[in-house]
Protein backbone atom coordinates (compact mmCIF):
# COMPACT_ATOMS: atom_id res chain seq x y z
CA UNK A 1 81.09 172.14 281.45
CA UNK A 2 84.10 170.33 280.02
CA UNK A 3 83.86 166.56 280.29
CA UNK A 4 86.63 164.02 279.93
CA UNK A 5 85.48 161.61 277.31
CA UNK A 6 86.91 158.09 277.28
CA UNK A 7 88.22 155.18 279.14
CA UNK A 8 91.15 153.56 277.42
CA UNK A 9 89.11 150.38 276.93
CA UNK A 10 86.44 152.34 275.10
CA UNK A 11 88.99 154.04 272.88
CA UNK A 12 90.68 150.74 272.11
CA UNK A 13 87.43 148.94 271.33
CA UNK A 14 85.98 151.71 269.22
CA UNK A 15 89.11 152.58 267.33
CA UNK A 16 89.67 148.92 266.50
CA UNK A 17 86.08 148.41 265.44
CA UNK A 18 85.92 151.62 263.46
CA UNK A 19 88.92 150.65 261.48
CA UNK A 20 87.85 147.10 260.92
CA UNK A 21 90.19 145.90 263.64
CA UNK A 22 89.97 142.82 265.78
CA UNK A 23 88.13 143.76 268.94
CA UNK A 24 84.52 143.03 268.21
CA UNK A 25 83.53 141.61 271.57
CA UNK A 26 81.13 143.06 274.16
CA UNK A 27 81.36 146.78 274.69
CA UNK A 28 83.19 148.10 277.75
CA UNK A 29 81.65 149.71 280.80
CA UNK A 30 78.96 152.29 280.06
CA UNK A 31 80.69 155.25 281.69
CA UNK A 32 83.01 156.42 278.92
CA UNK A 33 82.27 158.49 275.88
CA UNK A 34 83.53 157.33 272.57
CA UNK A 35 86.22 157.04 269.94
CA UNK A 36 85.22 155.82 266.51
CA UNK A 37 84.13 152.23 265.12
CA UNK A 38 83.24 150.44 261.14
CA UNK A 39 80.02 150.21 259.31
CA UNK A 40 77.05 148.57 261.13
CA UNK A 41 73.39 147.34 261.69
CA UNK A 42 69.61 147.37 262.32
CA UNK A 43 68.02 149.46 265.06
CA UNK A 44 65.24 146.95 265.54
CA UNK A 45 67.61 144.21 266.69
CA UNK A 46 70.26 145.98 268.75
CA UNK A 47 69.67 143.93 271.89
CA UNK A 48 70.93 140.74 270.29
CA UNK A 49 69.34 137.38 269.70
CA UNK A 50 70.15 135.63 272.98
CA UNK A 51 67.85 135.76 275.97
CA UNK A 52 69.21 135.32 279.50
CA UNK A 53 70.04 131.69 280.13
CA UNK A 54 67.63 129.54 282.11
CA UNK A 55 70.01 128.46 284.84
CA UNK A 56 68.01 125.31 285.48
CA UNK A 57 68.81 124.19 281.93
CA UNK A 58 72.58 124.66 282.39
CA UNK A 59 74.56 121.86 283.97
CA UNK A 60 77.23 122.36 286.60
CA UNK A 61 80.83 121.91 285.57
CA UNK A 62 82.85 121.89 282.40
CA UNK A 63 85.23 124.30 280.69
CA UNK A 64 84.39 127.00 278.17
CA UNK A 65 86.93 128.21 275.60
CA UNK A 66 86.39 131.84 274.66
CA UNK A 67 88.24 133.61 271.84
CA UNK A 68 89.89 136.98 272.50
CA UNK A 69 92.26 138.98 270.33
CA UNK A 70 95.13 138.70 272.75
CA UNK A 71 95.88 138.52 276.45
CA UNK A 72 95.36 142.09 277.63
CA UNK A 73 98.24 143.99 279.20
CA UNK A 74 95.91 145.18 281.97
CA UNK A 75 92.48 144.49 283.43
CA UNK A 76 92.07 148.11 284.53
CA UNK A 77 89.79 149.51 281.84
CA UNK A 78 90.81 153.06 282.75
CA UNK A 79 94.48 152.60 281.84
CA UNK A 80 95.86 153.56 278.40
CA UNK A 81 96.92 149.97 277.69
CA UNK A 82 93.40 148.59 278.19
CA UNK A 83 91.56 146.91 275.33
CA UNK A 84 88.10 145.53 274.68
CA UNK A 85 89.39 142.22 275.99
CA UNK A 86 90.32 144.00 279.25
CA UNK A 87 86.69 145.03 279.57
CA UNK A 88 85.37 141.56 278.79
CA UNK A 89 87.50 139.92 281.48
CA UNK A 90 86.80 142.71 283.95
CA UNK A 91 83.10 141.86 283.85
CA UNK A 92 83.90 138.34 285.03
CA UNK A 93 86.19 139.55 287.81
CA UNK A 94 85.08 142.96 289.11
CA UNK A 95 81.83 144.56 290.30
CA UNK A 96 79.68 146.73 288.08
CA UNK A 97 77.03 148.17 290.38
CA UNK A 98 74.53 148.57 287.53
CA UNK A 99 73.91 146.55 284.36
CA UNK A 100 72.22 147.75 281.16
CA UNK A 101 68.91 146.06 280.38
CA UNK A 102 67.80 145.16 276.86
CA UNK A 103 66.75 148.77 276.20
CA UNK A 104 69.96 150.35 277.45
CA UNK A 105 68.62 151.39 280.85
CA UNK A 106 70.93 150.84 283.81
CA UNK A 107 69.45 148.74 286.60
CA UNK A 108 71.08 147.80 289.94
CA UNK A 109 72.90 144.47 290.00
CA UNK A 110 71.63 142.69 293.13
CA UNK A 111 74.91 140.80 293.46
CA UNK A 112 76.47 144.11 294.48
CA UNK A 113 73.62 146.42 295.47
CA UNK A 114 70.52 145.94 297.56
CA UNK A 115 69.45 149.44 296.59
CA UNK A 116 70.55 152.83 295.28
CA UNK A 117 68.71 156.11 295.11
CA UNK A 118 69.31 159.76 294.40
CA UNK A 119 67.73 162.78 296.03
CA UNK A 120 64.74 163.95 293.93
CA UNK A 121 64.99 166.61 291.22
CA UNK A 122 65.34 170.10 292.61
CA UNK A 123 66.81 169.06 295.94
CA UNK A 124 70.34 170.36 296.43
CA UNK A 125 72.92 169.08 296.82
CA UNK A 126 72.30 165.84 295.01
CA UNK A 127 73.17 162.88 297.22
CA UNK A 128 73.21 159.29 295.98
CA UNK A 129 72.93 156.57 298.60
CA UNK A 130 74.21 153.11 297.71
CA UNK A 131 73.30 150.06 299.78
CA UNK A 132 75.97 147.44 299.20
CA UNK A 133 75.14 143.75 299.32
CA UNK A 134 76.46 142.76 302.77
CA UNK A 135 77.83 139.49 301.30
CA UNK A 136 79.91 141.23 298.62
CA UNK A 137 83.61 140.81 299.39
CA UNK A 138 86.94 141.07 297.65
CA UNK A 139 88.91 137.88 297.15
CA UNK A 140 90.76 138.38 300.45
CA UNK A 141 87.45 138.46 302.32
CA UNK A 142 87.39 142.25 302.77
CA UNK A 143 83.90 143.69 302.21
CA UNK A 144 83.32 146.23 299.47
CA UNK A 145 83.20 149.63 301.18
CA UNK A 146 83.25 153.40 300.86
CA UNK A 147 87.05 153.21 300.73
CA UNK A 148 86.87 151.64 297.27
CA UNK A 149 84.54 154.39 296.04
CA UNK A 150 86.75 157.12 297.51
CA UNK A 151 89.91 155.76 295.90
CA UNK A 152 88.34 155.30 292.47
CA UNK A 153 86.91 158.80 292.50
CA UNK A 154 90.38 160.18 293.34
CA UNK A 155 91.90 158.26 290.45
CA UNK A 156 89.34 159.27 287.82
CA UNK A 157 88.24 162.77 288.79
CA UNK A 158 91.18 164.48 287.08
CA UNK A 159 92.03 166.37 290.27
CA UNK A 160 95.45 164.72 290.46
CA UNK A 161 97.23 164.53 287.08
CA UNK A 162 99.70 161.98 288.50
CA UNK A 163 97.13 159.26 287.92
CA UNK A 164 97.24 159.81 284.18
CA UNK A 165 94.20 157.64 283.50
CA UNK A 166 91.01 158.34 281.64
CA UNK A 167 88.61 160.64 283.42
CA UNK A 168 85.15 159.32 282.60
CA UNK A 169 82.36 161.81 282.83
CA UNK A 170 80.77 162.27 286.22
CA UNK A 171 83.65 161.63 288.61
CA UNK A 172 84.64 165.30 288.47
CA UNK A 173 81.09 166.20 289.55
CA UNK A 174 81.51 164.42 292.90
CA UNK A 175 82.13 166.61 295.93
CA UNK A 176 82.53 163.99 298.67
CA UNK A 177 82.10 160.29 299.43
CA UNK A 178 81.42 159.05 302.96
CA UNK A 179 80.27 155.96 304.76
CA UNK A 180 76.63 156.17 305.75
CA UNK A 181 74.81 154.70 308.71
CA UNK A 182 76.75 151.41 308.49
CA UNK A 183 79.62 149.91 306.44
CA UNK A 184 77.20 148.80 303.73
CA UNK A 185 75.90 152.33 303.09
CA UNK A 186 77.89 154.68 300.87
CA UNK A 187 76.83 158.30 300.34
CA UNK A 188 78.07 160.22 297.32
CA UNK A 189 77.49 163.99 297.34
CA UNK A 190 77.73 165.86 294.05
CA UNK A 191 78.99 169.40 293.63
CA UNK A 192 76.57 169.75 290.68
CA UNK A 193 73.65 167.53 289.67
CA UNK A 194 74.67 164.52 287.62
CA UNK A 195 71.75 162.63 286.10
CA UNK A 196 73.75 159.69 284.75
CA UNK A 197 75.20 158.68 288.11
CA UNK A 198 74.29 154.96 287.65
CA UNK A 199 77.08 154.76 285.06
CA UNK A 200 79.71 155.47 287.73
CA UNK A 201 81.73 152.80 289.57
CA UNK A 202 81.40 150.20 286.86
CA UNK A 203 83.72 148.43 287.00
CA UNK A 204 84.62 149.17 290.62
CA UNK A 205 88.20 148.34 291.55
CA UNK A 206 89.55 147.69 295.06
CA UNK A 207 91.14 150.63 296.86
CA UNK A 208 94.46 148.77 296.79
CA UNK A 209 94.54 149.26 293.00
CA UNK A 210 93.45 152.90 292.87
CA UNK A 211 94.29 154.65 296.17
CA UNK A 212 97.63 156.02 294.94
CA UNK A 213 98.91 157.10 291.55
CA UNK A 214 101.66 154.49 291.75
CA UNK A 215 99.12 151.72 292.34
CA UNK A 216 96.75 152.97 289.69
CA UNK A 217 99.40 153.15 286.96
CA UNK A 218 100.71 149.63 287.54
CA UNK A 219 99.60 147.05 284.99
CA UNK A 220 96.69 145.11 286.43
CA UNK A 221 97.47 141.64 285.13
CA UNK A 222 98.25 138.20 286.48
CA UNK A 223 96.54 136.49 289.37
CA UNK A 224 97.94 138.34 292.36
CA UNK A 225 95.23 141.00 292.52
CA UNK A 226 92.01 141.32 294.47
CA UNK A 227 88.83 140.59 292.53
CA UNK A 228 85.13 140.37 293.41
CA UNK A 229 83.31 138.58 290.64
CA UNK A 230 81.91 135.10 290.07
CA UNK A 231 85.33 134.06 288.78
CA UNK A 232 88.90 134.66 289.83
CA UNK A 233 92.14 134.38 287.84
CA UNK A 234 94.12 131.14 288.10
CA UNK A 235 96.42 131.60 285.10
CA UNK A 236 97.57 134.70 283.23
CA UNK A 237 99.90 133.68 280.43
CA UNK A 238 100.52 136.50 277.97
CA UNK A 239 103.20 134.61 276.08
CA UNK A 240 101.07 131.49 275.79
CA UNK A 241 97.94 133.46 274.87
CA UNK A 242 95.72 132.21 277.68
CA UNK A 243 93.89 133.62 280.68
CA UNK A 244 92.10 131.04 282.81
CA UNK A 245 89.45 132.01 285.33
CA UNK A 246 87.93 129.59 287.84
CA UNK A 247 85.03 129.77 290.26
CA UNK A 248 85.57 132.30 293.02
CA UNK A 249 85.37 130.29 296.29
CA UNK A 250 84.10 133.40 298.12
CA UNK A 251 81.38 134.20 295.56
CA UNK A 252 78.08 134.92 297.30
CA UNK A 253 75.68 135.00 294.36
CA UNK A 254 74.35 132.36 291.99
CA UNK A 255 77.05 129.74 291.68
CA UNK A 256 78.92 129.89 288.35
CA UNK A 257 77.90 127.02 286.10
CA UNK A 258 81.21 126.42 284.35
CA UNK A 259 84.16 125.24 286.43
CA UNK A 260 86.46 127.44 284.43
CA UNK A 261 86.69 129.64 281.35
CA UNK A 262 89.79 129.73 279.19
CA UNK A 263 90.14 133.03 277.30
CA UNK A 264 92.33 132.08 274.35
CA UNK A 265 94.16 134.43 271.99
CA UNK A 266 92.75 133.66 268.54
CA UNK A 267 93.03 136.55 266.06
CA UNK A 268 89.92 137.02 263.90
CA UNK A 269 91.57 135.64 260.79
CA UNK A 270 92.03 132.30 262.57
CA UNK A 271 88.69 132.05 264.33
CA UNK A 272 86.74 130.17 261.70
CA UNK A 273 89.51 127.57 261.61
CA UNK A 274 89.53 127.45 265.42
CA UNK A 275 85.78 126.82 265.51
CA UNK A 276 86.02 124.24 262.75
CA UNK A 277 88.84 122.42 264.57
CA UNK A 278 87.01 122.48 267.92
CA UNK A 279 89.61 124.71 269.62
CA UNK A 280 87.13 127.34 270.85
CA UNK A 281 83.46 127.43 271.88
CA UNK A 282 82.58 131.16 271.79
CA UNK A 283 84.04 133.45 269.13
CA UNK A 284 83.17 137.02 268.08
CA UNK A 285 83.12 136.83 264.27
CA UNK A 286 82.34 140.37 263.10
CA UNK A 287 85.91 141.12 262.07
CA UNK A 288 86.52 137.57 260.87
CA UNK A 289 83.72 137.99 258.32
CA UNK A 290 84.00 141.71 257.59
CA UNK A 291 87.74 141.60 256.95
CA UNK A 292 87.95 138.23 255.21
CA UNK A 293 90.38 138.21 252.30
CA UNK A 294 90.39 136.00 249.23
CA UNK A 295 92.78 133.09 249.66
CA UNK A 296 95.43 133.03 246.89
CA UNK A 297 96.12 129.71 245.20
CA UNK A 298 98.57 127.59 247.14
CA UNK A 299 102.12 128.10 245.94
CA UNK A 300 101.31 131.23 243.97
CA UNK A 301 103.47 134.35 244.39
CA UNK A 302 100.49 136.07 246.06
CA UNK A 303 100.45 133.38 248.74
CA UNK A 304 103.77 134.62 250.06
CA UNK A 305 102.92 138.28 249.68
CA UNK A 306 100.89 140.58 251.88
CA UNK A 307 97.21 139.54 252.01
CA UNK A 308 94.96 141.27 249.48
CA UNK A 309 92.33 143.77 250.46
CA UNK A 310 89.07 142.44 251.84
CA UNK A 311 86.27 142.17 249.32
CA UNK A 312 82.52 141.80 249.74
CA UNK A 313 82.75 138.47 247.89
CA UNK A 314 85.31 137.16 250.38
CA UNK A 315 83.18 138.35 253.28
CA UNK A 316 80.16 136.53 251.85
CA UNK A 317 82.19 133.35 251.51
CA UNK A 318 83.43 133.71 255.09
CA UNK A 319 79.87 134.18 256.35
CA UNK A 320 78.66 131.14 254.42
CA UNK A 321 81.51 129.12 255.87
CA UNK A 322 80.67 130.29 259.41
CA UNK A 323 77.02 129.36 258.93
CA UNK A 324 77.93 125.93 257.61
CA UNK A 325 80.35 124.93 260.38
CA UNK A 326 79.03 121.73 261.98
CA UNK A 327 77.94 122.18 265.57
CA UNK A 328 78.22 126.00 265.48
CA UNK A 329 75.44 128.61 265.53
CA UNK A 330 76.09 132.13 264.26
CA UNK A 331 74.20 134.66 266.36
CA UNK A 332 73.73 138.06 264.78
CA UNK A 333 72.23 141.39 265.79
CA UNK A 334 72.77 145.11 265.61
CA UNK A 335 75.39 146.36 268.02
CA UNK A 336 74.80 149.48 270.15
CA UNK A 337 77.10 151.32 267.77
CA UNK A 338 75.86 154.06 265.46
CA UNK A 339 77.38 154.21 261.98
CA UNK A 340 77.23 157.64 260.43
CA UNK A 341 78.47 159.64 257.48
CA UNK A 342 80.50 162.49 258.97
CA UNK A 343 80.91 165.76 257.03
CA UNK A 344 84.08 167.82 257.53
CA UNK A 345 82.72 171.34 258.06
CA UNK A 346 86.23 172.83 258.11
CA UNK A 347 86.99 171.82 254.52
CA UNK A 348 85.62 173.59 251.45
CA UNK A 349 83.01 173.29 250.05
CA UNK A 350 81.44 171.66 253.15
CA UNK A 351 82.04 174.83 255.14
CA UNK A 352 78.64 175.89 253.76
CA UNK A 353 75.87 174.58 256.09
CA UNK A 354 73.35 174.73 253.23
CA UNK A 355 75.45 172.29 251.20
CA UNK A 356 75.86 169.97 254.18
CA UNK A 357 72.10 169.86 254.70
CA UNK A 358 71.47 169.26 251.01
CA UNK A 359 74.00 166.43 250.92
CA UNK A 360 72.39 164.86 253.97
CA UNK A 361 69.00 164.86 252.27
CA UNK A 362 70.55 163.28 249.16
CA UNK A 363 71.47 160.18 251.17
CA UNK A 364 68.91 157.37 250.95
CA UNK A 365 69.46 155.88 254.39
CA UNK A 366 67.25 152.86 253.78
CA UNK A 367 69.12 152.00 250.60
CA UNK A 368 72.42 152.34 252.48
CA UNK A 369 71.25 150.12 255.35
CA UNK A 370 70.02 147.53 252.90
CA UNK A 371 73.38 147.42 251.11
CA UNK A 372 75.32 147.14 254.35
CA UNK A 373 73.19 144.74 256.36
CA UNK A 374 71.09 142.50 254.16
CA UNK A 375 74.12 140.43 253.08
CA UNK A 376 74.70 139.67 256.79
CA UNK A 377 71.15 138.48 257.34
CA UNK A 378 70.10 141.57 259.28
CA UNK A 379 67.03 143.70 258.69
CA UNK A 380 67.82 146.97 256.93
CA UNK A 381 66.33 149.63 259.20
CA UNK A 382 67.80 153.12 258.78
CA UNK A 383 68.87 155.02 261.86
CA UNK A 384 67.28 158.40 262.63
CA UNK A 385 69.13 159.57 265.75
CA UNK A 386 72.69 160.68 266.41
CA UNK A 387 72.41 159.81 270.11
CA UNK A 388 70.27 156.72 270.67
CA UNK A 389 70.11 153.22 269.21
CA UNK A 390 66.91 152.01 267.60
CA UNK A 391 65.68 149.88 270.51
CA UNK A 392 67.02 152.18 273.21
CA UNK A 393 64.49 153.76 275.54
CA UNK A 394 63.58 157.16 274.13
CA UNK A 395 64.71 156.49 270.55
CA UNK A 396 63.05 158.78 268.02
CA UNK A 397 63.71 159.34 264.32
CA UNK A 398 64.51 163.05 264.05
CA UNK A 399 65.73 162.95 260.45
CA UNK A 400 63.00 165.29 259.21
CA UNK A 401 64.81 168.05 261.12
CA UNK A 402 67.45 167.91 258.39
CA UNK A 403 65.20 169.94 256.10
CA UNK A 404 62.94 169.28 253.11
CA UNK A 405 63.34 165.92 251.41
CA UNK A 406 63.89 167.53 247.98
CA UNK A 407 67.69 167.31 247.82
CA UNK A 408 67.83 168.59 244.23
CA UNK A 409 66.11 171.83 245.20
CA UNK A 410 68.33 172.25 248.25
CA UNK A 411 71.43 171.79 246.11
CA UNK A 412 70.11 174.30 243.57
CA UNK A 413 69.36 176.79 246.35
CA UNK A 414 72.91 176.35 247.69
CA UNK A 415 74.21 177.42 244.27
CA UNK A 416 75.27 174.01 242.96
CA UNK A 417 73.66 173.72 239.54
CA UNK A 418 73.51 170.61 237.38
CA UNK A 419 74.71 171.08 233.78
CA UNK A 420 72.22 170.56 231.00
CA UNK A 421 71.99 166.86 230.31
CA UNK A 422 73.14 165.86 233.81
CA UNK A 423 76.55 165.19 235.26
CA UNK A 424 78.35 166.66 238.26
CA UNK A 425 77.00 169.85 239.76
CA UNK A 426 79.04 173.04 239.43
CA UNK A 427 79.32 176.30 241.38
CA UNK A 428 81.63 179.19 240.50
CA UNK A 429 83.36 176.96 237.96
CA UNK A 430 84.15 174.19 240.46
CA UNK A 431 82.65 170.74 240.36
CA UNK A 432 81.01 169.23 243.44
CA UNK A 433 83.55 166.42 243.85
CA UNK A 434 84.32 164.98 247.29
CA UNK A 435 86.36 162.20 248.86
CA UNK A 436 84.89 159.52 251.15
CA UNK A 437 87.25 158.06 253.73
CA UNK A 438 86.54 154.48 254.83
CA UNK A 439 88.49 151.90 256.87
CA UNK A 440 90.71 149.73 254.72
CA UNK A 441 89.75 146.09 254.44
CA UNK A 442 86.15 146.35 255.66
CA UNK A 443 83.63 144.69 253.37
CA UNK A 444 80.69 146.34 255.15
CA UNK A 445 82.28 149.77 254.72
CA UNK A 446 82.94 149.00 251.04
CA UNK A 447 79.29 148.05 250.44
CA UNK A 448 78.19 151.19 252.27
CA UNK A 449 80.58 153.38 250.29
CA UNK A 450 79.44 151.92 246.98
CA UNK A 451 75.79 152.60 247.84
CA UNK A 452 76.60 156.12 249.04
CA UNK A 453 78.59 156.90 245.93
CA UNK A 454 75.75 155.76 243.69
CA UNK A 455 73.22 157.68 245.79
CA UNK A 456 75.10 160.96 245.63
CA UNK A 457 75.98 160.54 241.94
CA UNK A 458 72.25 160.47 241.18
CA UNK A 459 72.09 163.95 242.70
CA UNK A 460 75.11 165.28 240.80
CA UNK A 461 77.66 164.84 243.60
CA UNK A 462 80.84 163.05 242.54
CA UNK A 463 82.40 160.94 245.31
CA UNK A 464 85.73 159.13 245.25
CA UNK A 465 86.32 156.49 247.95
CA UNK A 466 89.72 156.45 249.67
CA UNK A 467 90.84 153.96 252.30
CA UNK A 468 93.13 154.25 255.29
CA UNK A 469 94.53 151.50 257.51
CA UNK A 470 93.88 151.27 261.23
CA UNK A 471 97.14 152.86 262.27
CA UNK A 472 96.47 156.08 260.31
CA UNK A 473 92.68 156.33 260.05
CA UNK A 474 92.25 158.54 263.11
CA UNK A 475 95.58 160.22 263.70
CA UNK A 476 96.42 161.07 260.07
CA UNK A 477 92.91 161.74 258.77
CA UNK A 478 90.06 162.31 261.24
CA UNK A 479 92.17 164.11 263.86
CA UNK A 480 93.81 166.50 261.39
CA UNK A 481 90.78 166.97 259.14
CA UNK A 482 92.27 165.29 256.08
CA UNK A 483 88.99 164.14 254.52
CA UNK A 484 85.73 165.46 253.08
CA UNK A 485 83.33 162.69 254.09
CA UNK A 486 84.15 159.81 256.45
CA UNK A 487 82.42 156.58 257.42
CA UNK A 488 82.77 155.27 260.98
CA UNK A 489 80.70 154.60 264.09
CA UNK A 490 80.20 155.86 267.61
CA UNK A 491 78.91 153.70 270.47
CA UNK A 492 75.47 154.16 271.96
CA UNK A 493 75.19 153.62 275.68
CA UNK A 494 73.13 154.18 278.80
CA UNK A 495 74.58 157.66 279.39
CA UNK A 496 74.10 159.62 276.16
CA UNK A 497 74.20 163.11 277.70
CA UNK A 498 77.77 162.73 278.92
CA UNK A 499 78.88 159.94 276.59
CA UNK A 500 77.95 161.64 273.31
CA UNK A 501 78.71 165.25 274.22
CA UNK A 502 82.38 165.22 273.11
CA UNK A 503 81.38 164.00 269.64
CA UNK A 504 79.30 167.13 269.04
CA UNK A 505 80.95 169.71 271.32
CA UNK A 506 81.84 172.99 269.63
CA UNK A 507 85.59 173.03 268.87
CA UNK A 508 87.55 175.40 271.12
CA UNK A 509 90.95 177.10 270.73
CA UNK A 510 93.85 175.22 272.28
CA UNK A 511 96.63 177.04 274.23
CA UNK A 512 98.30 178.03 270.94
CA UNK A 513 95.10 179.53 269.60
CA UNK A 514 94.50 176.78 267.05
CA UNK A 515 91.05 175.24 266.93
CA UNK A 516 90.96 171.95 268.85
CA UNK A 517 88.14 169.67 267.65
CA UNK A 518 88.73 167.06 270.36
CA UNK A 519 86.71 164.06 269.17
CA UNK A 520 84.29 166.22 267.18
CA UNK A 521 85.83 165.20 263.89
CA UNK A 522 83.10 166.98 261.91
CA UNK A 523 84.41 170.26 263.36
CA UNK A 524 80.95 171.83 263.53
CA UNK A 525 79.14 172.71 266.73
CA UNK A 526 77.23 175.44 268.54
CA UNK A 527 76.98 176.87 272.02
CA UNK A 528 73.31 175.87 272.03
CA UNK A 529 74.08 172.20 271.43
CA UNK A 530 76.69 172.26 274.21
CA UNK A 531 74.18 173.80 276.60
CA UNK A 532 71.55 171.21 275.74
CA UNK A 533 73.97 168.38 276.54
CA UNK A 534 75.03 170.06 279.79
CA UNK A 535 71.43 170.63 280.84
CA UNK A 536 70.57 167.01 280.02
CA UNK A 537 73.52 165.73 282.07
CA UNK A 538 72.29 167.74 285.06
CA UNK A 539 68.55 167.03 284.66
CA UNK A 540 67.43 164.48 287.25
CA UNK A 541 63.92 164.12 285.82
CA UNK A 542 64.16 161.33 283.18
CA UNK A 543 61.42 162.68 280.92
CA UNK A 544 62.84 166.20 280.94
CA UNK A 545 66.34 164.82 280.29
CA UNK A 546 65.08 162.89 277.26
CA UNK A 547 63.36 166.00 275.89
CA UNK A 548 66.68 167.87 276.08
CA UNK A 549 68.49 165.06 274.29
CA UNK A 550 65.88 165.03 271.51
CA UNK A 551 66.31 168.78 271.13
CA UNK A 552 70.09 168.34 270.92
CA UNK A 553 69.66 165.69 268.23
CA UNK A 554 67.38 167.98 266.23
CA UNK A 555 69.96 170.76 266.38
CA UNK A 556 72.70 168.35 265.24
CA UNK A 557 70.56 167.37 262.25
CA UNK A 558 69.97 171.05 261.45
CA UNK A 559 73.71 171.74 261.66
CA UNK A 560 74.51 169.21 258.96
CA UNK A 561 77.10 167.65 261.25
CA UNK A 562 76.63 164.03 260.12
CA UNK A 563 74.07 161.59 258.77
CA UNK A 564 73.17 158.55 260.94
CA UNK A 565 72.93 155.47 258.73
CA UNK A 566 72.48 152.22 260.68
CA UNK A 567 73.77 150.26 263.64
CA UNK A 568 76.96 148.27 263.23
CA UNK A 569 76.47 144.51 262.81
CA UNK A 570 77.67 142.06 265.42
CA UNK A 571 78.22 138.34 264.77
CA UNK A 572 79.19 135.70 267.33
CA UNK A 573 79.80 132.00 266.72
CA UNK A 574 78.75 129.67 269.54
CA UNK A 575 79.25 125.92 269.76
CA UNK A 576 76.14 123.78 270.06
CA UNK A 577 75.39 122.96 273.68
CA UNK A 578 76.72 126.27 275.05
CA UNK A 579 73.93 128.14 276.84
CA UNK A 580 73.73 131.85 277.60
CA UNK A 581 76.20 133.01 274.94
CA UNK A 582 75.69 135.04 271.79
CA UNK A 583 75.22 138.75 271.16
CA UNK A 584 74.63 140.83 274.31
CA UNK A 585 73.53 144.18 272.88
CA UNK A 586 74.00 146.97 275.41
CA UNK A 587 75.30 144.68 278.13
CA UNK A 588 77.80 141.92 278.71
CA UNK A 589 77.68 138.23 279.63
CA UNK A 590 76.31 137.19 283.00
CA UNK A 591 79.26 134.89 283.37
CA UNK A 592 77.81 132.78 286.18
CA UNK A 593 74.99 131.71 283.84
CA UNK A 594 77.09 130.77 280.81
CA UNK A 595 77.86 127.07 280.55
CA UNK A 596 76.93 123.78 278.94
CA UNK A 597 73.28 122.82 278.54
CA UNK A 598 72.16 119.75 280.48
CA UNK A 599 71.40 117.92 277.26
CA UNK A 600 74.86 118.52 275.81
């Protein structure tokens, strides 16, 4: 089964984060599978440090000012121009039928669904019946209906290339969508079982925006579009760097607490100043801290030159400044984003699986996590799964599948012998010297690389760190295989069978006969691993599906594909008196609950 991997919003978020870019806000909808992100955080804290707001403690009224990188070109997360900010705004404006809970499990959102169920395992064909909330309407008063489902499936199934959007996994498995017994019942029949069906239709767009290729490819921006969330757009000013949303007068659920939310373009390098000067109330700070650069003396030649590279010292100063801002709390947690050391199996000497396994066992994952995360105030828990975050339902540390812990013996057995007196290992007259590719300007990646280099040097493996900027990290290095080892992250989400499959799928020949790795930048894979993912995606019994995913993870460890290290850190600055904001883990803000505390 070939699965289309990404939404554009996922690619934009993950690429930016991987390369130390700006978009460090809440992750996009759970449907898509990934593109890469930078070095990260603690599996024990991935849900974040903010509990759902107590609505009774939040007063009615007021304006919230929320920092975004820029005004997005589109709010359609499935278009190529979408960004992480597109996804953030979409959650305030459009339905997502299911929401992830604190353990990454998708649960129905009662604002949009009164119920949803699938036929039981073994019953064919699989039919999912959705019961729409009868009060749920688009902003013109039209109820949500099967027509919206039908149009979105047409746009995302890949059956019509004219749409040109992302084709998130699962839509191509749908055979038919019909109205059920009444307008609130929607029946989706699958041509093959699809276990992760709750990830579909989130966000759900109105048929008017998806029913034709021409409509689907138009930029979804400005205020003249149907929405169905607690807020609706009142101002969309790309040039002025502001999107304003106000209470939706037709909203049927819990009334939004804030009168309006201004999403303001504040690049990460300006966010600490913006918080200090009381220009914003909620600000993702991961990039602001991770990519902080030392300030040159005023009037010096360096002040007029390009900014210097980020340094761990500058990042520490930026974090201390964030923590000391009056009236601001820095929330921190591990993001649902899995940082790993990826090994290029298509490049000598890593073509040898025995060497890849030995190298993996030479990595002290706890030491690495400590170096990366402790400076950010996060617990240093190493990650033991390629597929699941530490607090995700079903997480299990499968690292022992990577082989015996004695890395020195494994390296000896692979033929790499250490010279008398120590030094770099040698085989057939060649030293075991490798490059490590990391995102330029990321302090967390630099700390991780330094710890990795020291770790591997102790085992006789010489590693030289090289950096690449955002614009070349993927296309000029990962995509073409120009690296030995690489440090970046992949997102963890509620749909690991379909979401993670492309990362580990066996590379196939393209039409020219050349091997196409897709997003499997390690370039190693097996038919067995592919089958395990496909069986998991089609297994409707949750326990059996998890068993298949664990088996896939074990096989990935045994392949020497990559070494999971830790979860990427996430930091958010929130002004005192703002309730319901912080780090959201697997999910996204419940915008109708975010506002100003009664005591503020």
